Amino acid sequence: MSKRLDYNQVAPAGVKALGGVYGYVMQSGLSPVLVDLVYLRISQINNCAYCLDMHTRDLLKKGQKIEKLALLQAWAEAGSLFDARERAALAWAETVTRVADTGVPDQAYQAARAVFEERELVDLTIAIGLMNAYNRLAISFRNTPQAAIENLKAA
């Protein structure tokens, strides 16, 4: 699969605007590991190879164990591997990402609010929306994952 176009070159102001949202999320006070776990889970749901590769690498650099990353897709069955905030964030990320199917029910909102303050939940939802936008760009325009590039160089 080859890259369709480089949206960074075609619409730099739009990509910069998304970068501003990313900067906001990173200064929001949410844990960077929590945010990256959410980004990775959303990328799993959306099947975004580029973002899966990037966020896995980011989490490994932040000291997350491969076992935790391997079980992220099945976080609800992973016992205490994910703490209460991580489980709440992942559940919220899933229902918000699948909004067309879930409608984000009251029960999901109440569960998230039991763990996150109002501002945290808004910031988390901004992060979720941002990653869904990035996934759609990377998938639509066929960004090549770093692992695939490295594999070509090694061949």
Protein backbone atom coordinates (compact mmCIF):
# COMPACT_ATOMS: atom_id res chain seq x y z
CA MET A 1 0.00 0.00 0.00
CA SER A 2 1.53 3.28 -1.04
CA LYS A 3 1.07 6.73 0.39
CA ARG A 4 -1.64 8.68 -1.43
CA LEU A 5 -0.51 12.17 -0.48
CA ASP A 6 1.38 14.02 2.22
CA TYR A 7 -1.26 16.00 4.09
CA ASN A 8 1.48 17.74 6.08
CA GLN A 9 2.64 19.35 2.82
CA VAL A 10 -0.80 19.88 1.30
CA ALA A 11 -2.48 21.50 4.33
CA PRO A 12 0.23 22.56 6.80
CA ALA A 13 -2.04 25.07 8.56
CA GLY A 14 -4.65 22.37 9.24
CA VAL A 15 -2.04 19.95 10.56
CA LYS A 16 -0.58 22.76 12.68
CA ALA A 17 -4.04 23.41 14.14
CA LEU A 18 -4.31 19.74 15.11
CA GLY A 19 -0.85 20.05 16.63
CA GLY A 20 -2.16 22.90 18.76
CA VAL A 21 -4.89 20.62 20.10
CA TYR A 22 -2.24 17.95 20.76
CA GLY A 23 -0.22 20.55 22.70
CA TYR A 24 -3.31 21.45 24.72
CA VAL A 25 -3.92 17.80 25.61
CA MET A 26 -0.30 17.30 26.65
CA GLN A 27 -0.46 20.27 29.05
CA SER A 28 -3.92 19.37 30.35
CA GLY A 29 -2.69 17.52 33.41
CA LEU A 30 -3.78 14.10 32.18
CA SER A 31 -1.05 11.51 32.54
CA PRO A 32 0.96 11.22 29.30
CA VAL A 33 0.93 7.42 29.66
CA LEU A 34 -2.85 7.43 30.11
CA VAL A 35 -3.25 9.60 27.01
CA ASP A 36 -0.96 7.35 24.97
CA LEU A 37 -2.83 4.23 26.12
CA VAL A 38 -6.06 5.88 24.98
CA TYR A 39 -4.45 6.87 21.67
CA LEU A 40 -3.24 3.31 21.14
CA ARG A 41 -6.64 1.81 21.97
CA ILE A 42 -8.42 4.17 19.58
CA SER A 43 -5.91 3.29 16.88
CA GLN A 44 -6.65 -0.41 17.49
CA ILE A 45 -10.38 0.21 17.06
CA ASN A 46 -9.78 2.19 13.87
CA ASN A 47 -7.11 -0.21 12.52
CA CYS A 48 -4.62 2.60 11.97
CA ALA A 49 -1.26 0.90 11.40
CA TYR A 50 0.67 4.18 11.36
CA CYS A 51 -0.67 5.28 14.75
CA LEU A 52 -0.49 1.78 16.26
CA ASP A 53 3.21 1.71 15.46
CA MET A 54 3.85 5.24 16.72
CA HIS A 55 1.98 4.96 20.03
CA THR A 56 3.36 1.52 20.81
CA ARG A 57 6.86 2.94 20.39
CA ASP A 58 5.95 5.98 22.51
CA LEU A 59 4.63 3.81 25.34
CA LEU A 60 7.68 1.54 25.26
CA LYS A 61 9.91 4.63 25.51
CA LYS A 62 7.86 5.71 28.54
CA GLY A 63 8.67 2.41 30.25
CA GLN A 64 5.41 0.55 29.67
CA LYS A 65 5.82 -3.21 29.57
CA ILE A 66 5.12 -5.11 26.37
CA GLU A 67 2.72 -7.41 28.27
CA LYS A 68 0.49 -4.44 29.09
CA LEU A 69 0.53 -3.24 25.50
CA ALA A 70 -0.20 -6.75 24.22
CA LEU A 71 -3.28 -6.95 26.44
CA LEU A 72 -4.57 -3.44 25.76
CA GLN A 73 -7.19 -4.67 23.31
CA ALA A 74 -8.55 -6.96 26.05
CA TRP A 75 -8.06 -4.48 28.91
CA ALA A 76 -11.41 -5.34 30.53
CA GLU A 77 -10.24 -8.93 31.03
CA ALA A 78 -6.67 -8.04 32.05
CA GLY A 79 -7.36 -7.81 35.78
CA SER A 80 -5.27 -5.33 37.74
CA LEU A 81 -2.83 -4.75 34.87
CA PHE A 82 -4.79 -1.53 34.18
CA ASP A 83 -5.64 0.75 37.08
CA ALA A 84 -9.07 2.31 37.69
CA ARG A 85 -8.32 5.53 35.79
CA GLU A 86 -6.90 3.62 32.83
CA ARG A 87 -9.92 1.31 32.70
CA ALA A 88 -12.32 4.25 32.89
CA ALA A 89 -10.41 6.16 30.20
CA LEU A 90 -10.31 3.13 27.90
CA ALA A 91 -14.02 2.44 28.34
CA TRP A 92 -14.81 6.11 27.63
CA ALA A 93 -12.50 6.11 24.59
CA GLU A 94 -14.25 3.06 23.18
CA THR A 95 -17.78 4.40 23.56
CA VAL A 96 -16.87 7.87 22.24
CA THR A 97 -14.91 6.44 19.29
CA ARG A 98 -17.87 4.22 18.41
CA VAL A 99 -20.38 7.04 18.94
CA ALA A 100 -22.46 6.12 15.87
CA ASP A 101 -23.11 2.70 17.41
CA THR A 102 -23.16 3.54 21.13
CA GLY A 103 -24.71 7.00 21.34
CA VAL A 104 -22.47 7.38 24.42
CA PRO A 105 -25.04 6.16 26.94
CA ASP A 106 -25.69 7.75 30.32
CA GLN A 107 -24.22 4.71 32.07
CA ALA A 108 -20.88 5.22 30.26
CA TYR A 109 -20.86 8.90 31.18
CA GLN A 110 -21.65 8.18 34.83
CA ALA A 111 -18.89 5.55 34.99
CA ALA A 112 -16.36 8.00 33.55
CA ARG A 113 -17.49 10.81 35.87
CA ALA A 114 -17.02 8.52 38.86
CA VAL A 115 -13.29 8.54 38.10
CA PHE A 116 -12.61 11.83 36.27
CA GLU A 117 -13.32 15.42 37.27
CA GLU A 118 -15.35 17.46 34.75
CA ARG A 119 -12.31 19.18 33.25
CA GLU A 120 -10.39 15.91 33.00
CA LEU A 121 -13.28 14.26 31.18
CA VAL A 122 -13.60 17.13 28.73
CA ASP A 123 -9.83 17.07 28.11
CA LEU A 124 -9.92 13.29 27.68
CA THR A 125 -12.77 13.63 25.18
CA ILE A 126 -10.80 16.25 23.26
CA ALA A 127 -7.88 13.79 23.14
CA ILE A 128 -10.20 11.06 21.88
CA GLY A 129 -11.58 13.29 19.14
CA LEU A 130 -8.07 14.33 18.15
CA MET A 131 -6.82 10.76 17.82
CA ASN A 132 -9.85 9.81 15.76
CA ALA A 133 -9.04 12.74 13.43
CA TYR A 134 -5.38 11.71 13.18
CA ASN A 135 -6.40 8.08 12.49
CA ARG A 136 -8.68 9.19 9.69
CA LEU A 137 -5.92 11.25 8.09
CA ALA A 138 -3.32 8.48 8.37
CA ILE A 139 -5.67 5.78 7.07
CA SER A 140 -7.22 7.86 4.29
CA PHE A 141 -3.88 8.99 2.90
CA ARG A 142 -2.00 5.74 3.68
CA ASN A 143 0.74 6.93 6.02
CA THR A 144 3.42 4.24 6.17
CA PRO A 145 4.21 2.92 9.67
CA GLN A 146 7.82 3.31 10.79
CA ALA A 147 8.10 -0.46 11.20
CA ALA A 148 7.26 -0.97 7.51
CA ILE A 149 9.84 1.62 6.48
CA GLU A 150 12.49 -0.05 8.66
CA ASN A 151 11.58 -3.43 7.19
CA LEU A 152 12.10 -2.13 3.64
CA LYS A 153 15.49 -0.68 4.57
CA ALA A 154 16.57 -3.97 6.15
CA ALA A 155 15.56 -6.02 3.09
